[in-house]
Amino acid sequence: MEKTLVYLRNRHIKLGLVTNGEGAFQMKSIQALQIAGRFDGIFIFEWEGMAKPDPNLFRKAMAALGYSRMKVLLWVTTL
């Protein structure tokens, strides 16, 4: 995953992380993985008031990053 994040960042592609879960716990996990700095936005359901698969959560993330849905790649993984 690290190589992919570096590859995308080096090409000036904005990255967002959308995740379900309790905010503080999710941020601890993200920080433990040392990936927080790889993302331009982190969107956690508890703090956003909506959860995956609600399309509004993805729309909010895309708008915050300045993307239209035509320029978004959704990559799903379990960490």
N, C-alpha and C. Protein backbone atom coordinates (compact mmCIF):
# COMPACT_ATOMS: atom_id res chain seq x y z
N MET A 1 0.82 -1.18 0.00
CA MET A 1 0.00 0.00 0.00
C MET A 1 0.87 1.25 0.00
N GLU A 2 1.95 1.24 0.73
CA GLU A 2 2.82 2.41 0.84
C GLU A 2 3.35 2.85 -0.53
N LYS A 3 3.78 1.90 -1.33
CA LYS A 3 4.32 2.22 -2.66
C LYS A 3 3.25 2.88 -3.53
N THR A 4 2.04 2.40 -3.43
CA THR A 4 0.94 2.97 -4.21
C THR A 4 0.65 4.39 -3.78
N LEU A 5 0.61 4.64 -2.47
CA LEU A 5 0.35 5.99 -1.97
C LEU A 5 1.45 6.96 -2.40
N VAL A 6 2.69 6.52 -2.32
CA VAL A 6 3.81 7.37 -2.74
C VAL A 6 3.72 7.64 -4.25
N TYR A 7 3.44 6.61 -5.02
CA TYR A 7 3.31 6.76 -6.48
C TYR A 7 2.26 7.82 -6.82
N LEU A 8 1.09 7.74 -6.20
CA LEU A 8 0.01 8.68 -6.49
C LEU A 8 0.37 10.09 -6.02
N ARG A 9 0.93 10.22 -4.84
CA ARG A 9 1.32 11.54 -4.32
C ARG A 9 2.36 12.20 -5.21
N ASN A 10 3.31 11.41 -5.70
CA ASN A 10 4.35 11.96 -6.58
C ASN A 10 3.79 12.47 -7.90
N ARG A 11 2.59 12.06 -8.22
CA ARG A 11 1.92 12.54 -9.43
C ARG A 11 0.87 13.61 -9.11
N HIS A 12 0.94 14.14 -7.90
CA HIS A 12 0.08 15.24 -7.44
C HIS A 12 -1.40 14.89 -7.49
N ILE A 13 -1.70 13.64 -7.19
CA ILE A 13 -3.08 13.19 -7.12
C ILE A 13 -3.54 13.31 -5.67
N LYS A 14 -4.64 14.02 -5.45
CA LYS A 14 -5.18 14.18 -4.10
C LYS A 14 -5.78 12.87 -3.64
N LEU A 15 -5.54 12.55 -2.38
CA LEU A 15 -6.01 11.28 -1.83
C LEU A 15 -6.88 11.54 -0.60
N GLY A 16 -7.97 10.81 -0.53
CA GLY A 16 -8.85 10.88 0.63
C GLY A 16 -9.05 9.49 1.21
N LEU A 17 -9.20 9.44 2.51
CA LEU A 17 -9.46 8.19 3.20
C LEU A 17 -10.85 8.28 3.81
N VAL A 18 -11.73 7.35 3.45
CA VAL A 18 -13.10 7.30 3.96
C VAL A 18 -13.22 6.02 4.76
N THR A 19 -13.63 6.14 6.02
CA THR A 19 -13.69 4.96 6.86
C THR A 19 -14.86 5.02 7.84
N ASN A 20 -15.39 3.88 8.16
CA ASN A 20 -16.40 3.77 9.21
C ASN A 20 -15.66 3.53 10.52
N GLY A 21 -16.35 3.74 11.59
CA GLY A 21 -15.76 3.46 12.89
C GLY A 21 -15.76 4.67 13.80
N GLU A 22 -15.43 4.43 15.04
CA GLU A 22 -15.37 5.48 16.05
C GLU A 22 -14.14 6.35 15.77
N GLY A 23 -14.34 7.65 15.80
CA GLY A 23 -13.33 8.59 15.35
C GLY A 23 -11.97 8.45 16.00
N ALA A 24 -11.92 8.49 17.32
CA ALA A 24 -10.64 8.44 18.03
C ALA A 24 -9.92 7.11 17.75
N PHE A 25 -10.67 6.01 17.74
CA PHE A 25 -10.07 4.70 17.47
C PHE A 25 -9.51 4.65 16.05
N GLN A 26 -10.27 5.15 15.08
CA GLN A 26 -9.81 5.12 13.69
C GLN A 26 -8.55 5.98 13.52
N MET A 27 -8.53 7.16 14.14
CA MET A 27 -7.36 8.01 14.02
C MET A 27 -6.12 7.37 14.67
N LYS A 28 -6.32 6.67 15.79
CA LYS A 28 -5.20 5.95 16.40
C LYS A 28 -4.64 4.91 15.44
N SER A 29 -5.54 4.20 14.78
CA SER A 29 -5.12 3.17 13.82
C SER A 29 -4.37 3.80 12.65
N ILE A 30 -4.91 4.89 12.13
CA ILE A 30 -4.30 5.58 10.99
C ILE A 30 -2.93 6.12 11.38
N GLN A 31 -2.83 6.67 12.57
CA GLN A 31 -1.54 7.19 13.04
C GLN A 31 -0.55 6.06 13.31
N ALA A 32 -1.03 4.94 13.85
CA ALA A 32 -0.15 3.80 14.10
C ALA A 32 0.43 3.26 12.79
N LEU A 33 -0.35 3.31 11.72
CA LEU A 33 0.12 2.87 10.41
C LEU A 33 1.00 3.91 9.74
N GLN A 34 1.07 5.09 10.33
CA GLN A 34 1.87 6.20 9.82
C GLN A 34 1.48 6.57 8.39
N ILE A 35 0.16 6.63 8.14
CA ILE A 35 -0.32 6.97 6.80
C ILE A 35 -1.13 8.27 6.77
N ALA A 36 -1.35 8.89 7.92
CA ALA A 36 -2.18 10.10 7.96
C ALA A 36 -1.65 11.17 7.01
N GLY A 37 -0.35 11.35 6.96
CA GLY A 37 0.24 12.37 6.12
C GLY A 37 0.19 12.08 4.64
N ARG A 38 -0.23 10.90 4.29
CA ARG A 38 -0.34 10.52 2.87
C ARG A 38 -1.66 10.98 2.24
N PHE A 39 -2.58 11.45 3.08
CA PHE A 39 -3.92 11.80 2.60
C PHE A 39 -4.19 13.29 2.74
N ASP A 40 -4.90 13.83 1.76
CA ASP A 40 -5.30 15.23 1.80
C ASP A 40 -6.55 15.44 2.66
N GLY A 41 -7.28 14.39 2.89
CA GLY A 41 -8.46 14.45 3.73
C GLY A 41 -8.76 13.09 4.32
N ILE A 42 -9.17 13.09 5.57
CA ILE A 42 -9.58 11.86 6.24
C ILE A 42 -11.01 12.08 6.70
N PHE A 43 -11.90 11.18 6.29
CA PHE A 43 -13.33 11.32 6.54
C PHE A 43 -13.81 10.10 7.32
N ILE A 44 -14.09 10.31 8.59
CA ILE A 44 -14.49 9.23 9.49
C ILE A 44 -15.97 9.39 9.79
N PHE A 45 -16.73 8.31 9.64
CA PHE A 45 -18.18 8.39 9.71
C PHE A 45 -18.68 9.06 10.97
N GLU A 46 -18.07 8.78 12.10
CA GLU A 46 -18.54 9.37 13.36
C GLU A 46 -18.48 10.90 13.30
N TRP A 47 -17.45 11.43 12.69
CA TRP A 47 -17.26 12.88 12.62
C TRP A 47 -18.03 13.51 11.47
N GLU A 48 -18.34 12.72 10.45
CA GLU A 48 -19.05 13.24 9.28
C GLU A 48 -20.56 13.09 9.40
N GLY A 49 -21.01 12.24 10.33
CA GLY A 49 -22.45 12.05 10.53
C GLY A 49 -23.11 11.15 9.51
N MET A 50 -22.31 10.40 8.78
CA MET A 50 -22.85 9.43 7.81
C MET A 50 -21.81 8.33 7.62
N ALA A 51 -22.28 7.17 7.22
CA ALA A 51 -21.39 6.01 7.12
C ALA A 51 -21.42 5.40 5.73
N LYS A 52 -20.33 4.69 5.39
CA LYS A 52 -20.33 3.91 4.15
C LYS A 52 -21.42 2.87 4.26
N PRO A 53 -22.15 2.59 3.25
CA PRO A 53 -21.98 2.99 1.86
C PRO A 53 -22.80 4.22 1.45
N ASP A 54 -23.19 5.08 2.37
CA ASP A 54 -23.96 6.28 2.03
C ASP A 54 -23.20 7.09 0.98
N PRO A 55 -23.78 7.27 -0.19
CA PRO A 55 -23.07 8.01 -1.24
C PRO A 55 -22.78 9.46 -0.86
N ASN A 56 -23.54 10.02 0.07
CA ASN A 56 -23.29 11.39 0.49
C ASN A 56 -21.95 11.55 1.19
N LEU A 57 -21.49 10.51 1.86
CA LEU A 57 -20.18 10.55 2.50
C LEU A 57 -19.09 10.67 1.44
N PHE A 58 -19.22 9.90 0.37
CA PHE A 58 -18.25 9.96 -0.71
C PHE A 58 -18.34 11.29 -1.45
N ARG A 59 -19.55 11.79 -1.64
CA ARG A 59 -19.72 13.10 -2.28
C ARG A 59 -19.05 14.20 -1.46
N LYS A 60 -19.22 14.14 -0.14
CA LYS A 60 -18.61 15.13 0.74
C LYS A 60 -17.09 15.07 0.64
N ALA A 61 -16.54 13.87 0.65
CA ALA A 61 -15.09 13.71 0.53
C ALA A 61 -14.60 14.23 -0.82
N MET A 62 -15.29 13.89 -1.89
CA MET A 62 -14.88 14.35 -3.22
C MET A 62 -14.94 15.86 -3.31
N ALA A 63 -15.98 16.47 -2.79
CA ALA A 63 -16.11 17.93 -2.84
C ALA A 63 -14.99 18.59 -2.03
N ALA A 64 -14.68 18.03 -0.87
CA ALA A 64 -13.62 18.60 -0.03
C ALA A 64 -12.26 18.54 -0.72
N LEU A 65 -12.07 17.53 -1.55
CA LEU A 65 -10.81 17.37 -2.27
C LEU A 65 -10.81 18.06 -3.63
N GLY A 66 -11.98 18.60 -4.01
CA GLY A 66 -12.08 19.31 -5.28
C GLY A 66 -12.24 18.42 -6.49
N TYR A 67 -12.79 17.23 -6.30
CA TYR A 67 -12.96 16.29 -7.40
C TYR A 67 -14.43 16.13 -7.77
N SER A 68 -14.65 15.89 -9.06
CA SER A 68 -15.96 15.45 -9.50
C SER A 68 -15.93 13.92 -9.52
N ARG A 69 -17.09 13.32 -9.57
CA ARG A 69 -17.10 11.85 -9.53
C ARG A 69 -16.50 11.21 -10.77
N MET A 70 -16.32 11.97 -11.82
CA MET A 70 -15.72 11.42 -13.02
C MET A 70 -14.21 11.21 -12.88
N LYS A 71 -13.62 11.74 -11.81
CA LYS A 71 -12.18 11.65 -11.65
C LYS A 71 -11.79 10.92 -10.37
N VAL A 72 -12.63 10.02 -9.92
CA VAL A 72 -12.40 9.37 -8.63
C VAL A 72 -12.23 7.87 -8.82
N LEU A 73 -11.24 7.34 -8.16
CA LEU A 73 -11.02 5.90 -8.10
C LEU A 73 -11.31 5.47 -6.69
N LEU A 74 -12.17 4.50 -6.52
CA LEU A 74 -12.49 3.98 -5.19
C LEU A 74 -11.68 2.71 -4.99
N TRP A 75 -10.87 2.71 -3.95
CA TRP A 75 -10.04 1.55 -3.63
C TRP A 75 -10.46 1.08 -2.25
N VAL A 76 -10.95 -0.13 -2.16
CA VAL A 76 -11.47 -0.67 -0.92
C VAL A 76 -10.48 -1.68 -0.35
N THR A 77 -10.18 -1.51 0.91
CA THR A 77 -9.29 -2.44 1.58
C THR A 77 -9.62 -2.52 3.06
N THR A 78 -9.19 -3.54 3.70
CA THR A 78 -9.33 -3.68 5.15
C THR A 78 -7.93 -3.64 5.72
N LEU A 79 -7.71 -2.73 6.66
CA LEU A 79 -6.38 -2.61 7.26
C LEU A 79 -6.30 -3.38 8.54
